[in-house]
Each structure stands twice: as C-alpha cells, then as structure tokens.
Amino acid sequence: MSRISVRGFAVASATAVTTVGAVVGVAAGNEAPSVGNTEATAADATIADIPAGAQAQVQTASLTQQADDQSTQADAAALKSAQESARKAAAETAKSKKDAADEAKAKKDADARKKKELAASRSSSRDVGDLLGKSSYSIAETKAIAQQMMAGDQFQCFSNIVDHESGWNYKATNAGSGAYGLVQALPGSKMSSAGSDWQTNPATQIKWGLNYMNDRYGSPCGAWSFWQANSWY
C-alpha cells in the first residue's frame, strides 16, 4: 500500500494529532509523547506510520476542520451577498425617493407656471378692457392692445407689417385703393366681420388682421415673410 502523506491532516488539527499520539503511546506501553514532539512527528508522518485505529481519528479530525473552514467561507460569502443586497436595496430606495421628489418639484413648478400665466392672462384682459371704449388711441396704446391679443413670438412680425402698412394709425386710409386701418384691409368694410366698430376700434382691426394672417399665411410671421418677398400680403 502506498504511503500517503498526512502532513495536511496533522497541521490542520494539532490537537487531534496530539490526542492520537497519546493513544498510540499508551497502547504500545510507552510513555505518552509531549505535545510539541507529537506535532513535529505528525507533521512528517504518513498514514502507514500511524496504527489503523488512529488513522480514522486523524482523518475525522481533518475532515471536521475542512468542514469548519468551508462553513466559515460559506458564512463569509452569505454575509457579503447580504451586504451587497442591502446596498442595492438602499440605492434603489434612494433613487425612488429622488425620483418622487423630482416629480413633486416638477408638478409644483408646473402649477406655479399655470397660476402665473392665468394671472397674466387676467391682467391682460383687464388692461385691454381698460383701453377699450375710448374716443381715440395713441400708437403706444394701440401697440399695447396688439401685444395682449397675440402670442409674444408673433407680435414683432405683426408690428413689422403694421409699421409698413399704416404706421400704427388705425384711421389710416389709402387714397388710391381705399384700404383702411392698421392692416390696410381692402376694402376696409371687410373688418366688419370682426365688429361693427371696425372704423374706430383698433382692437377690432387687430382681431380681423390676426384672423386674416393666420388663415392665409399660418401666422403673422408667415405673413411677414411673404411681405418681405413681395412688399404686400
């Protein structure tokens, strides 16, 4: 039978080897060796050097040590896995809280914008109302009415056309063609579709002009692009 080294067995469990050495010595009628001598002997021993009855004890002690080591490794792996799971769960919780906070903030900001826009709209309506019903209007007042009746990004285009057509004079009349008003409707009576006071109310003329530009060119800026290419619209 080959001599299989038990160095690993002996080193892994010095106590077991010591016990085995004591048993072997007593069984042979010899004085039990010291712990140090037993460990040194066991370190260089082979299975063939140990009585058969003691071999089982040595192997059992070594297997027990291996099982303890494996259990320790398994516990460490389980702890690491648990820590990683906890870290991921904490990260997900933090992300969920952040997303919820961002969503709440976005909703709050949207609500604030709506309230601001509503307040501005009400203010504009009051301002227009304050300007209407007058016997005459200045250029500044007429422009203020126009600004309040259209989107901010369209006013400049509208203003460019009116600058060329009438110079913001809501009573401007073209002696040759008969075109009338801010947007020089031809004939001026066309603007009656927007209100019977089309001759004296700039708001009525602006309303008609906006409808015309939107229907024919898509927007005041569309009308202004056409005007720049053709000098009329």
Protein backbone atom coordinates (compact mmCIF):
# COMPACT_ATOMS: atom_id res chain seq x y z
CA MET A 1 0.00 0.00 0.00
CA SER A 2 1.41 3.47 -0.93
CA ARG A 3 2.44 5.83 1.75
CA ILE A 4 0.06 8.81 1.59
CA SER A 5 1.31 11.90 3.36
CA VAL A 6 -0.83 13.22 6.20
CA ARG A 7 1.12 16.45 6.66
CA GLY A 8 -2.03 18.40 5.83
CA PHE A 9 -4.08 16.37 8.30
CA ALA A 10 -1.59 16.81 11.10
CA VAL A 11 -1.01 20.53 10.59
CA ALA A 12 -4.76 21.24 10.22
CA SER A 13 -5.51 19.72 13.61
CA ALA A 14 -2.60 19.65 16.01
CA THR A 15 -4.85 18.83 18.93
CA ALA A 16 -6.22 15.76 17.17
CA VAL A 17 -2.72 14.57 16.34
CA THR A 18 -1.60 15.08 19.93
CA THR A 19 -4.53 13.02 21.17
CA VAL A 20 -3.81 10.31 18.65
CA GLY A 21 -0.13 10.24 19.61
CA ALA A 22 -1.08 9.81 23.23
CA VAL A 23 -3.42 6.95 22.40
CA VAL A 24 -0.81 5.24 20.27
CA GLY A 25 1.84 5.58 23.01
CA VAL A 26 -0.37 4.19 25.74
CA ALA A 27 -1.48 1.32 23.56
CA ALA A 28 2.13 0.36 22.91
CA GLY A 29 3.07 0.57 26.57
CA ASN A 30 5.26 3.62 26.02
CA GLU A 31 5.24 6.97 27.76
CA ALA A 32 2.96 9.47 26.07
CA PRO A 33 4.96 11.97 23.97
CA SER A 34 4.80 15.68 24.65
CA VAL A 35 2.54 17.94 22.58
CA GLY A 36 5.46 19.58 20.80
CA ASN A 37 7.08 16.26 19.91
CA THR A 38 3.79 14.83 18.76
CA GLU A 39 3.09 17.79 16.47
CA ALA A 40 6.57 17.64 14.99
CA THR A 41 6.28 13.90 14.43
CA ALA A 42 2.82 14.20 12.96
CA ALA A 43 3.96 16.85 10.55
CA ASP A 44 6.38 14.34 8.93
CA ALA A 45 4.25 11.23 9.45
CA THR A 46 2.45 9.18 6.84
CA ILE A 47 -0.70 7.09 7.06
CA ALA A 48 1.46 3.93 7.24
CA ASP A 49 3.29 5.30 10.33
CA ILE A 50 0.01 5.58 12.30
CA PRO A 51 -1.86 2.50 13.61
CA ALA A 52 -5.02 1.71 11.70
CA GLY A 53 -7.33 2.66 14.58
CA ALA A 54 -5.75 6.06 14.91
CA GLN A 55 -5.87 6.76 11.15
CA ALA A 56 -9.65 7.09 11.31
CA GLN A 57 -9.38 9.63 14.13
CA VAL A 58 -6.80 11.68 12.21
CA GLN A 59 -8.92 11.66 9.05
CA THR A 60 -12.07 12.52 11.01
CA ALA A 61 -10.34 15.45 12.72
CA SER A 62 -9.06 16.74 9.38
CA LEU A 63 -12.44 16.42 7.67
CA THR A 64 -14.06 18.22 10.60
CA GLN A 65 -11.55 21.04 10.22
CA GLN A 66 -12.23 21.20 6.47
CA ALA A 67 -15.96 21.29 7.12
CA ASP A 68 -15.46 24.14 9.62
CA ASP A 69 -13.36 26.04 7.08
CA GLN A 70 -15.99 25.54 4.36
CA SER A 71 -18.72 26.64 6.77
CA THR A 72 -16.72 29.77 7.62
CA GLN A 73 -16.23 30.53 3.92
CA ALA A 74 -19.93 29.95 3.26
CA ASP A 75 -20.85 32.29 6.11
CA ALA A 76 -18.50 34.95 4.74
CA ALA A 77 -19.98 34.57 1.25
CA ALA A 78 -23.51 34.78 2.65
CA LEU A 79 -22.59 37.91 4.63
CA LYS A 80 -21.05 39.52 1.54
CA SER A 81 -24.15 38.67 -0.51
CA ALA A 82 -26.42 40.08 2.18
CA GLN A 83 -24.36 43.29 2.35
CA GLU A 84 -24.49 43.66 -1.45
CA SER A 85 -28.26 43.09 -1.46
CA ALA A 86 -28.66 45.67 1.30
CA ARG A 87 -26.52 48.16 -0.64
CA LYS A 88 -28.59 47.66 -3.80
CA ALA A 89 -31.84 47.98 -1.86
CA ALA A 90 -30.61 51.20 -0.24
CA ALA A 91 -29.57 52.59 -3.63
CA GLU A 92 -32.95 51.72 -5.15
CA THR A 93 -34.76 53.31 -2.22
CA ALA A 94 -32.67 56.47 -2.52
CA LYS A 95 -33.35 56.62 -6.28
CA SER A 96 -37.09 56.14 -5.75
CA LYS A 97 -37.14 58.94 -3.19
CA LYS A 98 -35.18 61.23 -5.52
CA ASP A 99 -37.47 60.44 -8.47
CA ALA A 100 -40.52 61.12 -6.30
CA ALA A 101 -39.01 64.41 -5.10
CA ASP A 102 -38.14 65.45 -8.67
CA GLU A 103 -41.65 64.60 -9.85
CA ALA A 104 -43.20 66.56 -6.99
CA LYS A 105 -40.97 69.55 -7.74
CA ALA A 106 -41.81 69.41 -11.46
CA LYS A 107 -45.53 69.33 -10.63
CA LYS A 108 -45.14 72.22 -8.21
CA ASP A 109 -43.24 74.26 -10.80
CA ALA A 110 -45.86 73.45 -13.48
CA ASP A 111 -48.66 74.53 -11.14
CA ALA A 112 -46.81 77.74 -10.35
CA ARG A 113 -46.36 78.49 -14.07
CA LYS A 114 -50.05 77.88 -14.74
CA LYS A 115 -51.05 80.20 -11.92
CA LYS A 116 -48.65 82.85 -13.21
CA GLU A 117 -49.93 82.52 -16.77
CA LEU A 118 -53.53 82.66 -15.57
CA ALA A 119 -52.80 85.76 -13.52
CA ALA A 120 -51.05 87.37 -16.50
CA SER A 121 -53.98 86.48 -18.75
CA ARG A 122 -56.47 88.02 -16.34
CA SER A 123 -54.29 91.09 -16.01
CA SER A 124 -54.06 91.41 -19.80
CA SER A 125 -57.82 91.08 -20.12
CA ARG A 126 -58.31 93.86 -17.60
CA ASP A 127 -55.74 96.02 -19.39
CA VAL A 128 -57.46 95.55 -22.76
CA GLY A 129 -60.78 96.32 -21.14
CA ASP A 130 -59.33 99.50 -19.68
CA LEU A 131 -58.16 100.59 -23.14
CA LEU A 132 -61.40 99.88 -24.98
CA GLY A 133 -64.28 102.25 -25.41
CA LYS A 134 -62.11 105.33 -25.83
CA SER A 135 -62.74 108.00 -28.43
CA SER A 136 -59.14 107.90 -29.60
CA TYR A 137 -55.99 105.80 -29.14
CA SER A 138 -52.32 106.65 -29.19
CA ILE A 139 -49.80 104.50 -31.03
CA ALA A 140 -48.50 103.21 -27.67
CA GLU A 141 -52.00 102.24 -26.58
CA THR A 142 -52.71 100.55 -29.90
CA LYS A 143 -49.48 98.55 -29.68
CA ALA A 144 -50.30 97.57 -26.10
CA ILE A 145 -53.66 96.20 -27.24
CA ALA A 146 -51.98 94.22 -30.03
CA GLN A 147 -49.41 92.72 -27.67
CA GLN A 148 -52.14 91.49 -25.38
CA MET A 149 -54.11 89.89 -28.21
CA MET A 150 -51.42 87.60 -29.66
CA ALA A 151 -48.59 85.25 -28.76
CA GLY A 152 -45.41 87.05 -27.74
CA ASP A 153 -43.33 85.50 -30.53
CA GLN A 154 -45.75 86.79 -33.19
CA PHE A 155 -46.06 90.41 -32.13
CA GLN A 156 -42.87 91.66 -33.78
CA CYS A 157 -43.88 90.17 -37.14
CA PHE A 158 -47.33 91.71 -36.83
CA SER A 159 -45.75 95.02 -35.83
CA ASN A 160 -43.42 94.98 -38.84
CA ILE A 161 -46.36 94.64 -41.22
CA VAL A 162 -48.40 97.35 -39.48
CA ASP A 163 -45.37 99.66 -39.48
CA HIS A 164 -45.22 99.43 -43.29
CA GLU A 165 -48.97 99.42 -43.93
CA SER A 166 -50.25 102.19 -41.65
CA GLY A 167 -47.57 103.33 -39.20
CA TRP A 168 -49.92 102.15 -36.40
CA ASN A 169 -52.59 104.69 -37.41
CA TYR A 170 -55.89 102.87 -37.00
CA LYS A 171 -57.62 105.53 -39.12
CA ALA A 172 -55.11 105.39 -42.00
CA THR A 173 -56.78 105.49 -45.43
CA ASN A 174 -55.16 104.74 -48.80
CA ALA A 175 -56.47 107.44 -51.13
CA GLY A 176 -55.80 105.36 -54.22
CA SER A 177 -57.16 101.95 -53.26
CA GLY A 178 -59.45 102.73 -50.35
CA ALA A 179 -57.60 100.30 -47.99
CA TYR A 180 -58.27 101.22 -44.39
CA GLY A 181 -56.96 100.81 -40.88
CA LEU A 182 -53.92 99.31 -39.18
CA VAL A 183 -53.61 96.36 -41.54
CA GLN A 184 -54.99 98.22 -44.58
CA ALA A 185 -57.91 95.91 -45.26
CA LEU A 186 -59.23 96.28 -48.80
CA PRO A 187 -61.95 97.26 -48.70
CA GLY A 188 -62.00 98.38 -45.09
CA SER A 189 -65.55 97.14 -44.67
CA LYS A 190 -64.18 93.58 -44.63
CA MET A 191 -63.29 94.19 -40.99
CA SER A 192 -66.97 94.42 -40.09
CA SER A 193 -66.84 90.62 -39.71
CA ALA A 194 -64.81 91.25 -36.55
CA GLY A 195 -67.03 94.03 -35.20
CA SER A 196 -69.27 96.85 -36.27
CA ASP A 197 -66.87 99.39 -34.75
CA TRP A 198 -64.09 98.47 -37.19
CA GLN A 199 -63.57 102.12 -38.21
CA THR A 200 -62.86 103.41 -34.70
CA ASN A 201 -61.69 100.48 -32.60
CA PRO A 202 -58.11 99.30 -33.10
CA ALA A 203 -58.84 96.07 -31.19
CA THR A 204 -61.42 95.13 -33.83
CA GLN A 205 -58.94 95.85 -36.61
CA ILE A 206 -56.23 93.83 -34.86
CA LYS A 207 -58.63 90.92 -34.39
CA TRP A 208 -59.53 90.93 -38.07
CA GLY A 209 -55.87 91.30 -39.12
CA LEU A 210 -54.79 88.34 -36.97
CA ASN A 211 -57.53 86.12 -38.38
CA TYR A 212 -56.54 87.09 -41.91
CA MET A 213 -52.83 86.40 -41.36
CA ASN A 214 -53.49 83.10 -39.61
CA ASP A 215 -55.94 81.88 -42.26
CA ARG A 216 -53.83 82.87 -45.27
CA TYR A 217 -50.24 82.52 -44.04
CA GLY A 218 -50.47 80.41 -40.90
CA SER A 219 -49.31 83.19 -38.57
CA PRO A 220 -48.25 86.85 -38.53
CA CYS A 221 -44.64 85.71 -39.03
CA GLY A 222 -45.73 83.74 -42.09
CA ALA A 223 -47.42 86.87 -43.41
CA TRP A 224 -44.32 88.95 -42.69
CA SER A 225 -42.11 86.51 -44.64
CA PHE A 226 -44.45 86.86 -47.62
CA TRP A 227 -44.49 90.64 -47.24
CA GLN A 228 -40.71 90.83 -47.28
CA ALA A 229 -40.61 88.92 -50.59
CA ASN A 230 -43.49 90.80 -52.24
CA SER A 231 -43.98 94.10 -50.41
CA TRP A 232 -47.63 93.22 -49.88
CA TYR A 233 -49.60 90.47 -48.22
